[in-house]
């Protein structure tokens, strides 16, 4: 179908759609966090949100890695992976602590242990996944950079 939008409107629509996606993404994450804390991680209560959230996570991560895109501001290196993994692990550990403590307030040490264990496992999985994805993105970026000069030469008119 032919678009009824000019280039400016097309760019504006892409920006609007992008913001809507990230708003929905953030709200799904917030809903999952709130439901985890309030229901003590009752998966039946949040299965729909979790599935939609994970499908969007996998799609965005896969599409970005395939195209050699990491982030506008963050570099794909071990330092940024470490920081992000620590944040994700801490949030996960806090959620798990709150969920377990809500169900068993008489066992605060068990709740802390569950939170620490969950944070550690989440940190390790996140760091490994980010490191693998960063390696893939750097490899794709190197391949794309190596191909660019050849494509420019092939497209330039011969003298």
C-alpha atoms as a PDB file:
ATOM      1  CA  UNK A   1       0.000   0.000   0.000  1.00  0.00           C
ATOM      2  CA  UNK A   2       1.117   3.512  -0.755  1.00  0.00           C
ATOM      3  CA  UNK A   3       1.799   5.685   2.285  1.00  0.00           C
ATOM      4  CA  UNK A   4      -0.167   8.904   2.690  1.00  0.00           C
ATOM      5  CA  UNK A   5       2.592  10.382   4.861  1.00  0.00           C
ATOM      6  CA  UNK A   6       5.501  12.554   3.807  1.00  0.00           C
ATOM      7  CA  UNK A   7       9.008  11.900   5.202  1.00  0.00           C
ATOM      8  CA  UNK A   8       8.558  14.235   8.189  1.00  0.00           C
ATOM      9  CA  UNK A   9       5.266  12.593   9.148  1.00  0.00           C
ATOM     10  CA  UNK A  10       6.784   9.136   8.667  1.00  0.00           C
ATOM     11  CA  UNK A  11       9.646   9.994  11.057  1.00  0.00           C
ATOM     12  CA  UNK A  12       7.194  11.464  13.564  1.00  0.00           C
ATOM     13  CA  UNK A  13       5.023   8.331  13.385  1.00  0.00           C
ATOM     14  CA  UNK A  14       8.072   6.114  13.944  1.00  0.00           C
ATOM     15  CA  UNK A  15       8.997   8.198  17.000  1.00  0.00           C
ATOM     16  CA  UNK A  16       5.430   7.959  18.361  1.00  0.00           C
ATOM     17  CA  UNK A  17       5.341   4.193  17.797  1.00  0.00           C
ATOM     18  CA  UNK A  18       8.723   3.803  19.470  1.00  0.00           C
ATOM     19  CA  UNK A  19       7.607   5.733  22.534  1.00  0.00           C
ATOM     20  CA  UNK A  20       4.375   3.726  22.704  1.00  0.00           C
ATOM     21  CA  UNK A  21       6.340   0.467  22.551  1.00  0.00           C
ATOM     22  CA  UNK A  22       8.732   1.498  25.317  1.00  0.00           C
ATOM     23  CA  UNK A  23       5.846   2.795  27.445  1.00  0.00           C
ATOM     24  CA  UNK A  24       4.018  -0.544  27.090  1.00  0.00           C
ATOM     25  CA  UNK A  25       7.280  -2.379  27.810  1.00  0.00           C
ATOM     26  CA  UNK A  26       7.904  -0.358  30.996  1.00  0.00           C
ATOM     27  CA  UNK A  27       4.303  -0.753  32.161  1.00  0.00           C
ATOM     28  CA  UNK A  28       4.411  -4.524  31.613  1.00  0.00           C
ATOM     29  CA  UNK A  29       7.601  -4.706  33.669  1.00  0.00           C
ATOM     30  CA  UNK A  30       6.018  -2.579  36.407  1.00  0.00           C
ATOM     31  CA  UNK A  31       2.919  -4.818  36.408  1.00  0.00           C
ATOM     32  CA  UNK A  32       5.095  -7.929  36.713  1.00  0.00           C
ATOM     33  CA  UNK A  33       7.085  -6.414  39.592  1.00  0.00           C
ATOM     34  CA  UNK A  34       3.974  -5.280  41.467  1.00  0.00           C
ATOM     35  CA  UNK A  35       2.216  -8.618  40.965  1.00  0.00           C
ATOM     36  CA  UNK A  36       5.315 -10.505  42.093  1.00  0.00           C
ATOM     37  CA  UNK A  37       5.563  -8.490  45.291  1.00  0.00           C
ATOM     38  CA  UNK A  38       1.823  -8.559  46.032  1.00  0.00           C
ATOM     39  CA  UNK A  39       1.067 -12.182  45.139  1.00  0.00           C
ATOM     40  CA  UNK A  40       4.330 -13.820  46.174  1.00  0.00           C
ATOM     41  CA  UNK A  41       5.193 -14.835  42.591  1.00  0.00           C
ATOM     42  CA  UNK A  42       1.962 -16.525  41.610  1.00  0.00           C
ATOM     43  CA  UNK A  43       2.755 -17.211  37.951  1.00  0.00           C
ATOM     44  CA  UNK A  44      -0.894 -17.856  37.118  1.00  0.00           C
ATOM     45  CA  UNK A  45      -1.677 -14.249  38.040  1.00  0.00           C
ATOM     46  CA  UNK A  46       0.899 -12.755  35.680  1.00  0.00           C
ATOM     47  CA  UNK A  47       1.398 -15.332  32.948  1.00  0.00           C
ATOM     48  CA  UNK A  48      -0.098 -13.127  30.228  1.00  0.00           C
ATOM     49  CA  UNK A  49       2.034 -10.102  31.068  1.00  0.00           C
ATOM     50  CA  UNK A  50       5.131 -12.261  31.444  1.00  0.00           C
ATOM     51  CA  UNK A  51       4.646 -13.938  28.046  1.00  0.00           C
ATOM     52  CA  UNK A  52       4.075 -10.627  26.229  1.00  0.00           C
ATOM     53  CA  UNK A  53       7.052  -9.054  28.018  1.00  0.00           C
ATOM     54  CA  UNK A  54       9.405 -11.949  27.248  1.00  0.00           C
ATOM     55  CA  UNK A  55       8.351 -12.197  23.584  1.00  0.00           C
ATOM     56  CA  UNK A  56       9.013  -8.481  23.152  1.00  0.00           C
ATOM     57  CA  UNK A  57      12.366  -8.819  24.995  1.00  0.00           C
ATOM     58  CA  UNK A  58      13.472 -11.693  22.793  1.00  0.00           C
ATOM     59  CA  UNK A  59      12.334  -9.964  19.595  1.00  0.00           C
ATOM     60  CA  UNK A  60      14.048  -6.651  20.361  1.00  0.00           C
ATOM     61  CA  UNK A  61      17.261  -8.311  21.593  1.00  0.00           C
ATOM     62  CA  UNK A  62      17.414 -10.688  18.626  1.00  0.00           C
ATOM     63  CA  UNK A  63      16.659  -8.034  16.022  1.00  0.00           C
ATOM     64  CA  UNK A  64      19.197  -5.632  17.500  1.00  0.00           C
ATOM     65  CA  UNK A  65      21.928  -8.294  17.752  1.00  0.00           C
ATOM     66  CA  UNK A  66      21.257  -9.467  14.186  1.00  0.00           C
ATOM     67  CA  UNK A  67      21.709  -5.903  12.927  1.00  0.00           C
ATOM     68  CA  UNK A  68      24.740  -5.077  15.093  1.00  0.00           C
ATOM     69  CA  UNK A  69      22.886  -2.570  17.287  1.00  0.00           C
ATOM     70  CA  UNK A  70      23.615  -2.408  21.014  1.00  0.00           C
ATOM     71  CA  UNK A  71      22.497   0.942  22.458  1.00  0.00           C
ATOM     72  CA  UNK A  72      22.667   4.649  21.719  1.00  0.00           C
ATOM     73  CA  UNK A  73      24.750   5.448  24.803  1.00  0.00           C
ATOM     74  CA  UNK A  74      26.120   2.207  26.266  1.00  0.00           C
ATOM     75  CA  UNK A  75      29.039   0.311  24.759  1.00  0.00           C
ATOM     76  CA  UNK A  76      28.934  -3.506  24.444  1.00  0.00           C
ATOM     77  CA  UNK A  77      31.736  -4.215  26.940  1.00  0.00           C
ATOM     78  CA  UNK A  78      32.220  -6.116  30.195  1.00  0.00           C
ATOM     79  CA  UNK A  79      31.962  -2.977  32.364  1.00  0.00           C
ATOM     80  CA  UNK A  80      28.501  -1.995  31.141  1.00  0.00           C
ATOM     81  CA  UNK A  81      27.419  -5.658  31.259  1.00  0.00           C
ATOM     82  CA  UNK A  82      28.592  -5.835  34.878  1.00  0.00           C
ATOM     83  CA  UNK A  83      26.717  -2.674  35.891  1.00  0.00           C
ATOM     84  CA  UNK A  84      23.481  -3.703  34.162  1.00  0.00           C
ATOM     85  CA  UNK A  85      23.715  -7.225  35.600  1.00  0.00           C
ATOM     86  CA  UNK A  86      24.257  -5.880  39.118  1.00  0.00           C
ATOM     87  CA  UNK A  87      21.197  -3.633  38.784  1.00  0.00           C
ATOM     88  CA  UNK A  88      19.045  -6.446  37.384  1.00  0.00           C
ATOM     89  CA  UNK A  89      20.262  -8.852  40.084  1.00  0.00           C
ATOM     90  CA  UNK A  90      19.549  -6.321  42.843  1.00  0.00           C
ATOM     91  CA  UNK A  91      16.031  -5.626  41.554  1.00  0.00           C
ATOM     92  CA  UNK A  92      15.346  -9.343  41.199  1.00  0.00           C
ATOM     93  CA  UNK A  93      16.718 -10.055  44.673  1.00  0.00           C
ATOM     94  CA  UNK A  94      14.608  -7.284  46.172  1.00  0.00           C
ATOM     95  CA  UNK A  95      11.485  -8.600  44.450  1.00  0.00           C
ATOM     96  CA  UNK A  96      12.175 -12.140  45.618  1.00  0.00           C
ATOM     97  CA  UNK A  97      12.860 -10.977  49.178  1.00  0.00           C
ATOM     98  CA  UNK A  98       9.578  -9.025  49.230  1.00  0.00           C
ATOM     99  CA  UNK A  99       7.603 -11.921  47.749  1.00  0.00           C
ATOM    100  CA  UNK A 100       9.009 -14.514  50.168  1.00  0.00           C
ATOM    101  CA  UNK A 101       8.797 -12.188  53.175  1.00  0.00           C
ATOM    102  CA  UNK A 102       5.156 -11.411  52.354  1.00  0.00           C
ATOM    103  CA  UNK A 103       4.342 -15.116  52.494  1.00  0.00           C
ATOM    104  CA  UNK A 104       6.518 -15.894  55.540  1.00  0.00           C
ATOM    105  CA  UNK A 105       7.078 -12.772  57.681  1.00  0.00           C
ATOM    106  CA  UNK A 106       8.116 -14.951  60.599  1.00  0.00           C
ATOM    107  CA  UNK A 107      11.240 -16.062  58.680  1.00  0.00           C
ATOM    108  CA  UNK A 108      13.165 -12.894  57.755  1.00  0.00           C
ATOM    109  CA  UNK A 109      16.509 -14.723  57.400  1.00  0.00           C
ATOM    110  CA  UNK A 110      14.980 -17.178  54.951  1.00  0.00           C
ATOM    111  CA  UNK A 111      13.550 -14.256  52.986  1.00  0.00           C
ATOM    112  CA  UNK A 112      16.958 -12.567  52.891  1.00  0.00           C
ATOM    113  CA  UNK A 113      18.611 -15.823  51.806  1.00  0.00           C
ATOM    114  CA  UNK A 114      16.051 -16.275  49.031  1.00  0.00           C
ATOM    115  CA  UNK A 115      16.623 -12.693  47.883  1.00  0.00           C
ATOM    116  CA  UNK A 116      20.420 -13.039  47.900  1.00  0.00           C
ATOM    117  CA  UNK A 117      20.336 -16.395  46.118  1.00  0.00           C
ATOM    118  CA  UNK A 118      17.888 -15.110  43.517  1.00  0.00           C
ATOM    119  CA  UNK A 119      19.966 -11.960  42.982  1.00  0.00           C
ATOM    120  CA  UNK A 120      23.132 -14.009  42.500  1.00  0.00           C
ATOM    121  CA  UNK A 121      21.591 -16.434  40.024  1.00  0.00           C
ATOM    122  CA  UNK A 122      19.913 -13.606  38.124  1.00  0.00           C
ATOM    123  CA  UNK A 123      23.200 -11.645  38.024  1.00  0.00           C
ATOM    124  CA  UNK A 124      25.113 -14.631  36.624  1.00  0.00           C
ATOM    125  CA  UNK A 125      22.501 -15.420  33.967  1.00  0.00           C
ATOM    126  CA  UNK A 126      22.169 -11.767  32.968  1.00  0.00           C
ATOM    127  CA  UNK A 127      25.939 -11.222  32.785  1.00  0.00           C
ATOM    128  CA  UNK A 128      26.435 -14.363  30.695  1.00  0.00           C
ATOM    129  CA  UNK A 129      23.587 -13.455  28.335  1.00  0.00           C
ATOM    130  CA  UNK A 130      24.764  -9.855  27.939  1.00  0.00           C
ATOM    131  CA  UNK A 131      28.354 -10.978  27.348  1.00  0.00           C
ATOM    132  CA  UNK A 132      27.256 -13.428  24.652  1.00  0.00           C
ATOM    133  CA  UNK A 133      25.022 -10.820  23.034  1.00  0.00           C
ATOM    134  CA  UNK A 134      27.796  -8.194  23.167  1.00  0.00           C
ATOM    135  CA  UNK A 135      30.184 -10.619  21.476  1.00  0.00           C
ATOM    136  CA  UNK A 136      27.602 -11.273  18.746  1.00  0.00           C
ATOM    137  CA  UNK A 137      26.933  -7.548  18.244  1.00  0.00           C
ATOM    138  CA  UNK A 138      30.657  -6.708  18.024  1.00  0.00           C
ATOM    139  CA  UNK A 139      31.130  -9.500  15.479  1.00  0.00           C
ATOM    140  CA  UNK A 140      28.214  -8.233  13.350  1.00  0.00           C
ATOM    141  CA  UNK A 141      29.509  -4.652  13.640  1.00  0.00           C
ATOM    142  CA  UNK A 142      32.965  -5.739  12.463  1.00  0.00           C
ATOM    143  CA  UNK A 143      31.428  -7.628   9.540  1.00  0.00           C
ATOM    144  CA  UNK A 144      29.313  -4.621   8.562  1.00  0.00           C
ATOM    145  CA  UNK A 145      32.278  -2.249   8.856  1.00  0.00           C
ATOM    146  CA  UNK A 146      34.403  -4.555   6.688  1.00  0.00           C
ATOM    147  CA  UNK A 147      31.682  -4.686   4.019  1.00  0.00           C
ATOM    148  CA  UNK A 148      30.999  -0.937   3.839  1.00  0.00           C
ATOM    149  CA  UNK A 149      34.048   0.168   1.814  1.00  0.00           C
ATOM    150  CA  UNK A 150      33.405  -2.527  -0.802  1.00  0.00           C
ATOM    151  CA  UNK A 151      29.755  -1.492  -1.166  1.00  0.00           C
ATOM    152  CA  UNK A 152      30.682   2.184  -1.525  1.00  0.00           C
ATOM    153  CA  UNK A 153      33.251   1.376  -4.209  1.00  0.00           C
ATOM    154  CA  UNK A 154      30.804  -0.855  -6.066  1.00  0.00           C
ATOM    155  CA  UNK A 155      28.124   1.862  -6.063  1.00  0.00           C
ATOM    156  CA  UNK A 156      30.371   4.754  -7.089  1.00  0.00           C
ATOM    157  CA  UNK A 157      30.429   5.526 -10.814  1.00  0.00           C
ATOM    158  CA  UNK A 158      33.515   4.339 -12.703  1.00  0.00           C
ATOM    159  CA  UNK A 159      35.696   7.041 -14.270  1.00  0.00           C
END
